[in-house]
């Protein structure tokens, strides 16, 4: 006797679960806070990515490889902006604040005391 044939059924809803959600390509600007004003252009042949805000014209440029996505460049921009802000705050603290009191004025010599 022969075996029964299995019915070839495709898994239901398995293809929808495997679909990847596309990553964002436009972002919010850190400086002017406009939504979807920052765009990222990736030139893989040259190995360079450019990030530009259409409103405030902020720019950032970075090196890329074959795995780099626009969200990676945006993340690098955020990190670079934070590092620049920390560096400028650290530099200001060293020069602007002083723990030493201001030098006292020298005592005036008056001829009236004699």
PDB file of N, CA and C in Angstrom:
ATOM      1  N   UNK A   1       0.826  -1.174   0.000  1.00  0.00           N
ATOM      2  CA  UNK A   1       0.000   0.000   0.000  1.00  0.00           C
ATOM      3  C   UNK A   1       0.879   1.249   0.000  1.00  0.00           C
ATOM      4  N   UNK A   2       0.353   2.312  -0.538  1.00  0.00           N
ATOM      5  CA  UNK A   2       1.108   3.548  -0.646  1.00  0.00           C
ATOM      6  C   UNK A   2       0.796   4.507   0.495  1.00  0.00           C
ATOM      7  N   UNK A   3       1.679   5.421   0.705  1.00  0.00           N
ATOM      8  CA  UNK A   3       1.473   6.432   1.732  1.00  0.00           C
ATOM      9  C   UNK A   3       0.534   7.500   1.212  1.00  0.00           C
ATOM     10  N   UNK A   4      -0.107   8.169   2.154  1.00  0.00           N
ATOM     11  CA  UNK A   4      -0.951   9.307   1.773  1.00  0.00           C
ATOM     12  C   UNK A   4      -0.066  10.507   1.440  1.00  0.00           C
ATOM     13  N   UNK A   5      -0.473  11.258   0.461  1.00  0.00           N
ATOM     14  CA  UNK A   5       0.286  12.446   0.086  1.00  0.00           C
ATOM     15  C   UNK A   5      -0.042  13.591   1.027  1.00  0.00           C
ATOM     16  N   UNK A   6       0.986  14.312   1.406  1.00  0.00           N
ATOM     17  CA  UNK A   6       0.775  15.491   2.241  1.00  0.00           C
ATOM     18  C   UNK A   6       0.301  16.621   1.343  1.00  0.00           C
ATOM     19  N   UNK A   7      -0.615  17.389   1.864  1.00  0.00           N
ATOM     20  CA  UNK A   7      -1.025  18.554   1.095  1.00  0.00           C
ATOM     21  C   UNK A   7       0.030  19.638   1.271  1.00  0.00           C
ATOM     22  N   UNK A   8       0.429  20.241   0.206  1.00  0.00           N
ATOM     23  CA  UNK A   8       1.478  21.268   0.294  1.00  0.00           C
ATOM     24  C   UNK A   8       0.826  22.605   0.589  1.00  0.00           C
ATOM     25  N   UNK A   9       0.813  22.925   1.852  1.00  0.00           N
ATOM     26  CA  UNK A   9       0.261  24.203   2.287  1.00  0.00           C
ATOM     27  C   UNK A   9       1.398  25.150   2.621  1.00  0.00           C
ATOM     28  N   UNK A  10       1.221  26.408   2.234  1.00  0.00           N
ATOM     29  CA  UNK A  10       2.204  27.424   2.583  1.00  0.00           C
ATOM     30  C   UNK A  10       1.866  27.962   3.957  1.00  0.00           C
ATOM     31  N   UNK A  11       2.875  28.309   4.731  1.00  0.00           N
ATOM     32  CA  UNK A  11       2.591  28.841   6.068  1.00  0.00           C
ATOM     33  C   UNK A  11       1.842  30.167   5.968  1.00  0.00           C
ATOM     34  N   UNK A  12       0.810  30.282   6.762  1.00  0.00           N
ATOM     35  CA  UNK A  12      -0.011  31.493   6.746  1.00  0.00           C
ATOM     36  C   UNK A  12       0.647  32.578   7.583  1.00  0.00           C
ATOM     37  N   UNK A  13       0.744  33.762   7.048  1.00  0.00           N
ATOM     38  CA  UNK A  13       1.243  34.965   7.716  1.00  0.00           C
ATOM     39  C   UNK A  13       2.711  34.886   8.101  1.00  0.00           C
ATOM     40  N   UNK A  14       3.425  33.899   7.654  1.00  0.00           N
ATOM     41  CA  UNK A  14       4.853  33.818   7.963  1.00  0.00           C
ATOM     42  C   UNK A  14       5.632  34.802   7.107  1.00  0.00           C
ATOM     43  N   UNK A  15       5.180  35.044   5.906  1.00  0.00           N
ATOM     44  CA  UNK A  15       5.909  35.970   5.038  1.00  0.00           C
ATOM     45  C   UNK A  15       5.751  37.415   5.518  1.00  0.00           C
ATOM     46  N   UNK A  16       4.607  37.751   6.120  1.00  0.00           N
ATOM     47  CA  UNK A  16       4.394  39.110   6.630  1.00  0.00           C
ATOM     48  C   UNK A  16       5.240  39.369   7.876  1.00  0.00           C
ATOM     49  N   UNK A  17       5.473  38.345   8.671  1.00  0.00           N
ATOM     50  CA  UNK A  17       6.250  38.512   9.892  1.00  0.00           C
ATOM     51  C   UNK A  17       7.739  38.698   9.578  1.00  0.00           C
ATOM     52  N   UNK A  18       8.197  38.156   8.463  1.00  0.00           N
ATOM     53  CA  UNK A  18       9.613  38.241   8.122  1.00  0.00           C
ATOM     54  C   UNK A  18       9.961  39.533   7.398  1.00  0.00           C
ATOM     55  N   UNK A  19       8.982  40.267   6.968  1.00  0.00           N
ATOM     56  CA  UNK A  19       9.241  41.501   6.234  1.00  0.00           C
ATOM     57  C   UNK A  19       9.889  42.532   7.141  1.00  0.00           C
ATOM     58  N   UNK A  20      10.975  43.127   6.676  1.00  0.00           N
ATOM     59  CA  UNK A  20      11.664  44.127   7.478  1.00  0.00           C
ATOM     60  C   UNK A  20      11.018  45.484   7.274  1.00  0.00           C
ATOM     61  N   UNK A  21      10.926  46.221   8.355  1.00  0.00           N
ATOM     62  CA  UNK A  21      10.420  47.587   8.269  1.00  0.00           C
ATOM     63  C   UNK A  21      11.538  48.468   7.710  1.00  0.00           C
ATOM     64  N   UNK A  22      11.238  49.327   6.757  1.00  0.00           N
ATOM     65  CA  UNK A  22      12.295  50.209   6.236  1.00  0.00           C
ATOM     66  C   UNK A  22      12.711  51.239   7.280  1.00  0.00           C
ATOM     67  N   UNK A  23      13.993  51.529   7.301  1.00  0.00           N
ATOM     68  CA  UNK A  23      14.521  52.514   8.244  1.00  0.00           C
ATOM     69  C   UNK A  23      14.262  53.916   7.721  1.00  0.00           C
ATOM     70  N   UNK A  24      14.211  54.875   8.630  1.00  0.00           N
ATOM     71  CA  UNK A  24      13.970  56.264   8.246  1.00  0.00           C
ATOM     72  C   UNK A  24      15.143  56.802   7.426  1.00  0.00           C
ATOM     73  N   UNK A  25      14.822  57.705   6.516  1.00  0.00           N
ATOM     74  CA  UNK A  25      15.861  58.372   5.740  1.00  0.00           C
ATOM     75  C   UNK A  25      15.839  59.881   5.960  1.00  0.00           C
ATOM     76  N   UNK A  26      14.804  60.400   6.614  1.00  0.00           N
ATOM     77  CA  UNK A  26      14.744  61.816   6.983  1.00  0.00           C
ATOM     78  C   UNK A  26      14.590  61.899   8.489  1.00  0.00           C
ATOM     79  N   UNK A  27      15.226  62.910   9.076  1.00  0.00           N
ATOM     80  CA  UNK A  27      15.321  62.979  10.526  1.00  0.00           C
ATOM     81  C   UNK A  27      15.037  64.384  11.033  1.00  0.00           C
ATOM     82  N   UNK A  28      14.963  64.517  12.352  1.00  0.00           N
ATOM     83  CA  UNK A  28      14.772  65.802  13.012  1.00  0.00           C
ATOM     84  C   UNK A  28      16.125  66.456  13.243  1.00  0.00           C
ATOM     85  N   UNK A  29      16.205  67.751  12.974  1.00  0.00           N
ATOM     86  CA  UNK A  29      17.456  68.481  13.145  1.00  0.00           C
ATOM     87  C   UNK A  29      17.707  68.740  14.634  1.00  0.00           C
ATOM     88  N   UNK A  30      18.957  68.595  15.050  1.00  0.00           N
ATOM     89  CA  UNK A  30      19.333  68.844  16.440  1.00  0.00           C
ATOM     90  C   UNK A  30      19.339  70.322  16.775  1.00  0.00           C
ATOM     91  N   UNK A  31      19.603  71.166  15.791  1.00  0.00           N
ATOM     92  CA  UNK A  31      19.802  72.580  16.039  1.00  0.00           C
ATOM     93  C   UNK A  31      18.526  73.398  15.874  1.00  0.00           C
ATOM     94  N   UNK A  32      17.719  73.106  14.832  1.00  0.00           N
ATOM     95  CA  UNK A  32      16.510  73.902  14.604  1.00  0.00           C
ATOM     96  C   UNK A  32      15.231  73.142  14.965  1.00  0.00           C
ATOM     97  N   UNK A  33      15.328  71.858  15.318  1.00  0.00           N
ATOM     98  CA  UNK A  33      14.212  71.010  15.760  1.00  0.00           C
ATOM     99  C   UNK A  33      13.078  70.886  14.745  1.00  0.00           C
ATOM    100  N   UNK A  34      13.351  71.009  13.456  1.00  0.00           N
ATOM    101  CA  UNK A  34      12.338  70.784  12.434  1.00  0.00           C
ATOM    102  C   UNK A  34      12.286  69.292  12.104  1.00  0.00           C
ATOM    103  N   UNK A  35      11.071  68.756  12.054  1.00  0.00           N
ATOM    104  CA  UNK A  35      10.899  67.347  11.701  1.00  0.00           C
ATOM    105  C   UNK A  35      11.149  67.152  10.211  1.00  0.00           C
ATOM    106  N   UNK A  36      11.704  66.040   9.872  1.00  0.00           N
ATOM    107  CA  UNK A  36      11.982  65.613   8.492  1.00  0.00           C
ATOM    108  C   UNK A  36      12.721  66.665   7.668  1.00  0.00           C
ATOM    109  N   UNK A  37      13.591  67.430   8.287  1.00  0.00           N
ATOM    110  CA  UNK A  37      14.360  68.430   7.546  1.00  0.00           C
ATOM    111  C   UNK A  37      15.778  67.955   7.240  1.00  0.00           C
ATOM    112  N   UNK A  38      16.233  66.916   7.911  1.00  0.00           N
ATOM    113  CA  UNK A  38      17.586  66.418   7.708  1.00  0.00           C
ATOM    114  C   UNK A  38      17.545  65.224   6.756  1.00  0.00           C
ATOM    115  N   UNK A  39      18.326  65.307   5.686  1.00  0.00           N
ATOM    116  CA  UNK A  39      18.426  64.198   4.743  1.00  0.00           C
ATOM    117  C   UNK A  39      19.864  63.726   4.682  1.00  0.00           C
ATOM    118  N   UNK A  40      20.027  62.450   4.365  1.00  0.00           N
ATOM    119  CA  UNK A  40      21.346  61.841   4.293  1.00  0.00           C
ATOM    120  C   UNK A  40      21.555  61.305   2.884  1.00  0.00           C
ATOM    121  N   UNK A  41      22.681  61.662   2.285  1.00  0.00           N
ATOM    122  CA  UNK A  41      23.051  61.142   0.973  1.00  0.00           C
ATOM    123  C   UNK A  41      24.316  60.306   1.145  1.00  0.00           C
ATOM    124  N   UNK A  42      24.264  59.076   0.657  1.00  0.00           N
ATOM    125  CA  UNK A  42      25.397  58.171   0.787  1.00  0.00           C
ATOM    126  C   UNK A  42      25.962  57.886  -0.601  1.00  0.00           C
ATOM    127  N   UNK A  43      27.245  58.164  -0.784  1.00  0.00           N
ATOM    128  CA  UNK A  43      27.947  57.838  -2.017  1.00  0.00           C
ATOM    129  C   UNK A  43      28.886  56.688  -1.685  1.00  0.00           C
ATOM    130  N   UNK A  44      28.453  55.491  -1.983  1.00  0.00           N
ATOM    131  CA  UNK A  44      29.224  54.308  -1.597  1.00  0.00           C
ATOM    132  C   UNK A  44      30.509  54.166  -2.413  1.00  0.00           C
ATOM    133  N   UNK A  45      30.500  54.610  -3.650  1.00  0.00           N
ATOM    134  CA  UNK A  45      31.715  54.517  -4.474  1.00  0.00           C
ATOM    135  C   UNK A  45      32.819  55.400  -3.918  1.00  0.00           C
ATOM    136  N   UNK A  46      32.468  56.610  -3.513  1.00  0.00           N
ATOM    137  CA  UNK A  46      33.452  57.530  -2.931  1.00  0.00           C
ATOM    138  C   UNK A  46      33.698  57.229  -1.454  1.00  0.00           C
ATOM    139  N   UNK A  47      32.774  56.512  -0.810  1.00  0.00           N
ATOM    140  CA  UNK A  47      32.924  56.173   0.603  1.00  0.00           C
ATOM    141  C   UNK A  47      32.609  57.322   1.534  1.00  0.00           C
ATOM    142  N   UNK A  48      31.697  58.216   1.095  1.00  0.00           N
ATOM    143  CA  UNK A  48      31.376  59.404   1.887  1.00  0.00           C
ATOM    144  C   UNK A  48      29.867  59.540   2.010  1.00  0.00           C
ATOM    145  N   UNK A  49      29.423  59.951   3.195  1.00  0.00           N
ATOM    146  CA  UNK A  49      28.017  60.271   3.422  1.00  0.00           C
ATOM    147  C   UNK A  49      27.923  61.728   3.848  1.00  0.00           C
ATOM    148  N   UNK A  50      26.886  62.412   3.339  1.00  0.00           N
ATOM    149  CA  UNK A  50      26.673  63.811   3.692  1.00  0.00           C
ATOM    150  C   UNK A  50      25.299  63.960   4.302  1.00  0.00           C
ATOM    151  N   UNK A  51      25.241  64.654   5.424  1.00  0.00           N
ATOM    152  CA  UNK A  51      23.992  64.934   6.125  1.00  0.00           C
ATOM    153  C   UNK A  51      23.762  66.437   6.049  1.00  0.00           C
ATOM    154  N   UNK A  52      22.550  66.849   5.619  1.00  0.00           N
ATOM    155  CA  UNK A  52      22.254  68.266   5.426  1.00  0.00           C
ATOM    156  C   UNK A  52      20.865  68.568   5.967  1.00  0.00           C
ATOM    157  N   UNK A  53      20.746  69.678   6.723  1.00  0.00           N
ATOM    158  CA  UNK A  53      19.442  70.179   7.160  1.00  0.00           C
ATOM    159  C   UNK A  53      18.995  71.225   6.146  1.00  0.00           C
ATOM    160  N   UNK A  54      17.779  71.070   5.625  1.00  0.00           N
ATOM    161  CA  UNK A  54      17.274  72.005   4.616  1.00  0.00           C
ATOM    162  C   UNK A  54      16.897  73.350   5.225  1.00  0.00           C
ATOM    163  N   UNK A  55      16.613  73.407   6.523  1.00  0.00           N
ATOM    164  CA  UNK A  55      16.151  74.637   7.149  1.00  0.00           C
ATOM    165  C   UNK A  55      17.318  75.493   7.626  1.00  0.00           C
ATOM    166  N   UNK A  56      18.169  74.938   8.482  1.00  0.00           N
ATOM    167  CA  UNK A  56      19.254  75.735   9.063  1.00  0.00           C
ATOM    168  C   UNK A  56      20.603  75.510   8.383  1.00  0.00           C
ATOM    169  N   UNK A  57      20.658  74.642   7.375  1.00  0.00           N
ATOM    170  CA  UNK A  57      21.849  74.379   6.574  1.00  0.00           C
ATOM    171  C   UNK A  57      23.011  73.813   7.389  1.00  0.00           C
ATOM    172  N   UNK A  58      22.713  73.069   8.437  1.00  0.00           N
ATOM    173  CA  UNK A  58      23.759  72.356   9.165  1.00  0.00           C
ATOM    174  C   UNK A  58      24.244  71.208   8.297  1.00  0.00           C
ATOM    175  N   UNK A  59      25.537  70.926   8.347  1.00  0.00           N
ATOM    176  CA  UNK A  59      26.110  69.871   7.515  1.00  0.00           C
ATOM    177  C   UNK A  59      27.028  68.993   8.346  1.00  0.00           C
ATOM    178  N   UNK A  60      27.095  67.718   7.924  1.00  0.00           N
ATOM    179  CA  UNK A  60      27.994  66.766   8.564  1.00  0.00           C
ATOM    180  C   UNK A  60      28.437  65.786   7.488  1.00  0.00           C
ATOM    181  N   UNK A  61      29.698  65.392   7.523  1.00  0.00           N
ATOM    182  CA  UNK A  61      30.231  64.469   6.541  1.00  0.00           C
ATOM    183  C   UNK A  61      30.983  63.369   7.257  1.00  0.00           C
ATOM    184  N   UNK A  62      30.838  62.126   6.741  1.00  0.00           N
ATOM    185  CA  UNK A  62      31.459  60.998   7.406  1.00  0.00           C
ATOM    186  C   UNK A  62      31.855  59.945   6.375  1.00  0.00           C
ATOM    187  N   UNK A  63      32.779  59.090   6.761  1.00  0.00           N
ATOM    188  CA  UNK A  63      33.165  57.961   5.911  1.00  0.00           C
ATOM    189  C   UNK A  63      32.148  56.830   6.092  1.00  0.00           C
ATOM    190  N   UNK A  64      31.946  56.048   5.032  1.00  0.00           N
ATOM    191  CA  UNK A  64      30.987  54.948   5.083  1.00  0.00           C
ATOM    192  C   UNK A  64      31.626  53.674   4.550  1.00  0.00           C
ATOM    193  N   UNK A  65      30.973  52.564   4.855  1.00  0.00           N
ATOM    194  CA  UNK A  65      31.332  51.283   4.263  1.00  0.00           C
ATOM    195  C   UNK A  65      30.068  50.652   3.666  1.00  0.00           C
ATOM    196  N   UNK A  66      30.124  49.416   3.246  1.00  0.00           N
ATOM    197  CA  UNK A  66      28.987  48.805   2.573  1.00  0.00           C
ATOM    198  C   UNK A  66      27.820  48.494   3.511  1.00  0.00           C
ATOM    199  N   UNK A  67      28.031  48.526   4.804  1.00  0.00           N
ATOM    200  CA  UNK A  67      26.962  48.242   5.767  1.00  0.00           C
ATOM    201  C   UNK A  67      26.290  49.493   6.321  1.00  0.00           C
ATOM    202  N   UNK A  68      26.817  50.656   6.034  1.00  0.00           N
ATOM    203  CA  UNK A  68      26.325  51.900   6.612  1.00  0.00           C
ATOM    204  C   UNK A  68      24.957  52.268   6.052  1.00  0.00           C
ATOM    205  N   UNK A  69      24.068  52.685   6.943  1.00  0.00           N
ATOM    206  CA  UNK A  69      22.723  53.137   6.585  1.00  0.00           C
ATOM    207  C   UNK A  69      22.577  54.602   6.998  1.00  0.00           C
ATOM    208  N   UNK A  70      21.571  55.315   6.475  1.00  0.00           N
ATOM    209  CA  UNK A  70      21.380  56.720   6.861  1.00  0.00           C
ATOM    210  C   UNK A  70      21.207  56.934   8.361  1.00  0.00           C
ATOM    211  N   UNK A  71      20.552  56.011   9.050  1.00  0.00           N
ATOM    212  CA  UNK A  71      20.365  56.167  10.492  1.00  0.00           C
ATOM    213  C   UNK A  71      21.708  56.091  11.231  1.00  0.00           C
ATOM    214  N   UNK A  72      22.671  55.370  10.685  1.00  0.00           N
ATOM    215  CA  UNK A  72      24.003  55.306  11.295  1.00  0.00           C
ATOM    216  C   UNK A  72      24.711  56.663  11.205  1.00  0.00           C
ATOM    217  N   UNK A  73      24.572  57.328  10.073  1.00  0.00           N
ATOM    218  CA  UNK A  73      25.184  58.643   9.892  1.00  0.00           C
ATOM    219  C   UNK A  73      24.529  59.653  10.825  1.00  0.00           C
ATOM    220  N   UNK A  74      23.209  59.583  10.976  1.00  0.00           N
ATOM    221  CA  UNK A  74      22.493  60.473  11.893  1.00  0.00           C
ATOM    222  C   UNK A  74      22.977  60.244  13.330  1.00  0.00           C
ATOM    223  N   UNK A  75      23.165  59.002  13.720  1.00  0.00           N
ATOM    224  CA  UNK A  75      23.654  58.687  15.068  1.00  0.00           C
ATOM    225  C   UNK A  75      25.070  59.231  15.286  1.00  0.00           C
ATOM    226  N   UNK A  76      25.931  59.105  14.264  1.00  0.00           N
ATOM    227  CA  UNK A  76      27.279  59.654  14.372  1.00  0.00           C
ATOM    228  C   UNK A  76      27.236  61.179  14.532  1.00  0.00           C
ATOM    229  N   UNK A  77      26.313  61.821  13.819  1.00  0.00           N
ATOM    230  CA  UNK A  77      26.167  63.282  13.914  1.00  0.00           C
ATOM    231  C   UNK A  77      25.765  63.693  15.319  1.00  0.00           C
ATOM    232  N   UNK A  78      24.836  62.959  15.920  1.00  0.00           N
ATOM    233  CA  UNK A  78      24.410  63.244  17.292  1.00  0.00           C
ATOM    234  C   UNK A  78      25.595  63.099  18.239  1.00  0.00           C
ATOM    235  N   UNK A  79      26.361  62.026  18.088  1.00  0.00           N
ATOM    236  CA  UNK A  79      27.522  61.804  18.946  1.00  0.00           C
ATOM    237  C   UNK A  79      28.570  62.900  18.764  1.00  0.00           C
ATOM    238  N   UNK A  80      28.809  63.309  17.520  1.00  0.00           N
ATOM    239  CA  UNK A  80      29.799  64.355  17.257  1.00  0.00           C
ATOM    240  C   UNK A  80      29.345  65.694  17.835  1.00  0.00           C
ATOM    241  N   UNK A  81      28.049  65.990  17.741  1.00  0.00           N
ATOM    242  CA  UNK A  81      27.535  67.243  18.299  1.00  0.00           C
ATOM    243  C   UNK A  81      27.646  67.245  19.825  1.00  0.00           C
ATOM    244  N   UNK A  82      27.344  66.107  20.462  1.00  0.00           N
ATOM    245  CA  UNK A  82      27.484  66.005  21.916  1.00  0.00           C
ATOM    246  C   UNK A  82      28.939  66.161  22.344  1.00  0.00           C
ATOM    247  N   UNK A  83      29.844  65.533  21.609  1.00  0.00           N
ATOM    248  CA  UNK A  83      31.267  65.628  21.950  1.00  0.00           C
ATOM    249  C   UNK A  83      31.768  67.063  21.789  1.00  0.00           C
ATOM    250  N   UNK A  84      31.330  67.748  20.738  1.00  0.00           N
ATOM    251  CA  UNK A  84      31.748  69.142  20.531  1.00  0.00           C
ATOM    252  C   UNK A  84      31.191  70.040  21.634  1.00  0.00           C
ATOM    253  N   UNK A  85      29.969  69.777  22.064  1.00  0.00           N
ATOM    254  CA  UNK A  85      29.365  70.585  23.122  1.00  0.00           C
ATOM    255  C   UNK A  85      30.094  70.366  24.447  1.00  0.00           C
ATOM    256  N   UNK A  86      30.439  69.113  24.759  1.00  0.00           N
ATOM    257  CA  UNK A  86      31.166  68.825  25.996  1.00  0.00           C
ATOM    258  C   UNK A  86      32.549  69.452  25.973  1.00  0.00           C
ATOM    259  N   UNK A  87      33.192  69.421  24.802  1.00  0.00           N
ATOM    260  CA  UNK A  87      34.517  70.009  24.682  1.00  0.00           C
ATOM    261  C   UNK A  87      34.467  71.520  24.877  1.00  0.00           C
ATOM    262  N   UNK A  88      33.475  72.164  24.308  1.00  0.00           N
ATOM    263  CA  UNK A  88      33.386  73.617  24.450  1.00  0.00           C
ATOM    264  C   UNK A  88      33.009  74.010  25.876  1.00  0.00           C
ATOM    265  N   UNK A  89      32.185  73.222  26.549  1.00  0.00           N
ATOM    266  CA  UNK A  89      31.842  73.512  27.941  1.00  0.00           C
ATOM    267  C   UNK A  89      33.047  73.298  28.841  1.00  0.00           C
ATOM    268  N   UNK A  90      33.826  72.288  28.594  1.00  0.00           N
ATOM    269  CA  UNK A  90      35.020  72.032  29.385  1.00  0.00           C
ATOM    270  C   UNK A  90      36.043  73.129  29.200  1.00  0.00           C
ATOM    271  N   UNK A  91      36.180  73.633  27.992  1.00  0.00           N
ATOM    272  CA  UNK A  91      37.128  74.707  27.704  1.00  0.00           C
ATOM    273  C   UNK A  91      36.686  76.008  28.368  1.00  0.00           C
ATOM    274  N   UNK A  92      35.399  76.284  28.348  1.00  0.00           N
ATOM    275  CA  UNK A  92      34.878  77.503  28.986  1.00  0.00           C
ATOM    276  C   UNK A  92      35.100  77.468  30.488  1.00  0.00           C
ATOM    277  N   UNK A  93      34.915  76.316  31.086  1.00  0.00           N
ATOM    278  CA  UNK A  93      35.065  76.213  32.539  1.00  0.00           C
ATOM    279  C   UNK A  93      36.490  76.493  32.964  1.00  0.00           C
ATOM    280  N   UNK A  94      37.447  76.064  32.173  1.00  0.00           N
ATOM    281  CA  UNK A  94      38.841  76.276  32.541  1.00  0.00           C
ATOM    282  C   UNK A  94      39.222  77.742  32.454  1.00  0.00           C
ATOM    283  N   UNK A  95      38.728  78.450  31.472  1.00  0.00           N
ATOM    284  CA  UNK A  95      39.144  79.827  31.294  1.00  0.00           C
ATOM    285  C   UNK A  95      38.234  80.813  32.011  1.00  0.00           C
ATOM    286  N   UNK A  96      36.945  80.543  32.082  1.00  0.00           N
ATOM    287  CA  UNK A  96      35.997  81.517  32.619  1.00  0.00           C
ATOM    288  C   UNK A  96      35.953  81.487  34.148  1.00  0.00           C
ATOM    289  N   UNK A  97      35.971  80.318  34.715  1.00  0.00           N
ATOM    290  CA  UNK A  97      35.852  80.256  36.171  1.00  0.00           C
ATOM    291  C   UNK A  97      37.246  80.272  36.797  1.00  0.00           C
ATOM    292  N   UNK A  98      37.331  80.935  37.896  1.00  0.00           N
ATOM    293  CA  UNK A  98      38.599  81.007  38.605  1.00  0.00           C
ATOM    294  C   UNK A  98      38.314  80.866  40.090  1.00  0.00           C
ATOM    295  N   UNK A  99      39.079  80.030  40.742  1.00  0.00           N
ATOM    296  CA  UNK A  99      38.871  79.837  42.176  1.00  0.00           C
ATOM    297  C   UNK A  99      39.671  80.856  42.986  1.00  0.00           C
ATOM    298  N   UNK A 100      40.575  81.568  42.321  1.00  0.00           N
ATOM    299  CA  UNK A 100      41.364  82.566  43.020  1.00  0.00           C
ATOM    300  C   UNK A 100      40.602  83.884  43.121  1.00  0.00           C
ATOM    301  N   UNK A 101      40.686  84.541  44.257  1.00  0.00           N
ATOM    302  CA  UNK A 101      40.038  85.853  44.361  1.00  0.00           C
ATOM    303  C   UNK A 101      40.806  86.889  43.538  1.00  0.00           C
ATOM    304  N   UNK A 102      40.135  87.937  43.191  1.00  0.00           N
ATOM    305  CA  UNK A 102      40.770  89.018  42.435  1.00  0.00           C
ATOM    306  C   UNK A 102      41.839  89.658  43.312  1.00  0.00           C
ATOM    307  N   UNK A 103      42.950  90.080  42.704  1.00  0.00           N
ATOM    308  CA  UNK A 103      44.021  90.686  43.519  1.00  0.00           C
ATOM    309  C   UNK A 103      43.535  91.989  44.156  1.00  0.00           C
ATOM    310  N   UNK A 104      43.926  92.182  45.396  1.00  0.00           N
ATOM    311  CA  UNK A 104      43.508  93.382  46.131  1.00  0.00           C
ATOM    312  C   UNK A 104      44.281  94.581  45.613  1.00  0.00           C
ATOM    313  N   UNK A 105      43.639  95.727  45.668  1.00  0.00           N
ATOM    314  CA  UNK A 105      44.294  96.955  45.218  1.00  0.00           C
ATOM    315  C   UNK A 105      45.373  97.330  46.223  1.00  0.00           C
ATOM    316  N   UNK A 106      46.509  97.819  45.763  1.00  0.00           N
ATOM    317  CA  UNK A 106      47.573  98.190  46.703  1.00  0.00           C
ATOM    318  C   UNK A 106      47.112  99.369  47.555  1.00  0.00           C
ATOM    319  N   UNK A 107      47.544  99.403  48.802  1.00  0.00           N
ATOM    320  CA  UNK A 107      47.109 100.505  49.673  1.00  0.00           C
ATOM    321  C   UNK A 107      47.622 101.838  49.130  1.00  0.00           C
ATOM    322  N   UNK A 108      46.764 102.811  49.196  1.00  0.00           N
ATOM    323  CA  UNK A 108      47.148 104.129  48.673  1.00  0.00           C
ATOM    324  C   UNK A 108      48.000 104.860  49.707  1.00  0.00           C
ATOM    325  N   UNK A 109      48.939 105.576  49.243  1.00  0.00           N
ATOM    326  CA  UNK A 109      49.821 106.323  50.142  1.00  0.00           C
ATOM    327  C   UNK A 109      49.370 107.769  50.110  1.00  0.00           C
ATOM    328  N   UNK A 110      48.888 108.218  51.265  1.00  0.00           N
ATOM    329  CA  UNK A 110      48.417 109.590  51.377  1.00  0.00           C
ATOM    330  C   UNK A 110      49.429 110.407  52.193  1.00  0.00           C
ATOM    331  N   UNK A 111      49.612 111.631  51.833  1.00  0.00           N
ATOM    332  CA  UNK A 111      50.526 112.499  52.565  1.00  0.00           C
ATOM    333  C   UNK A 111      49.846 113.131  53.769  1.00  0.00           C
ATOM    334  N   UNK A 112      48.538 112.901  53.978  1.00  0.00           N
ATOM    335  CA  UNK A 112      47.792 113.472  55.084  1.00  0.00           C
ATOM    336  C   UNK A 112      48.123 112.802  56.413  1.00  0.00           C
ATOM    337  N   UNK A 113      48.650 111.630  56.403  1.00  0.00           N
ATOM    338  CA  UNK A 113      48.876 110.878  57.625  1.00  0.00           C
ATOM    339  C   UNK A 113      50.042 111.462  58.428  1.00  0.00           C
ATOM    340  N   UNK A 114      50.907 112.213  57.919  1.00  0.00           N
ATOM    341  CA  UNK A 114      52.051 112.727  58.637  1.00  0.00           C
ATOM    342  C   UNK A 114      51.696 113.830  59.542  1.00  0.00           C
TER     343      UNK A 114
END
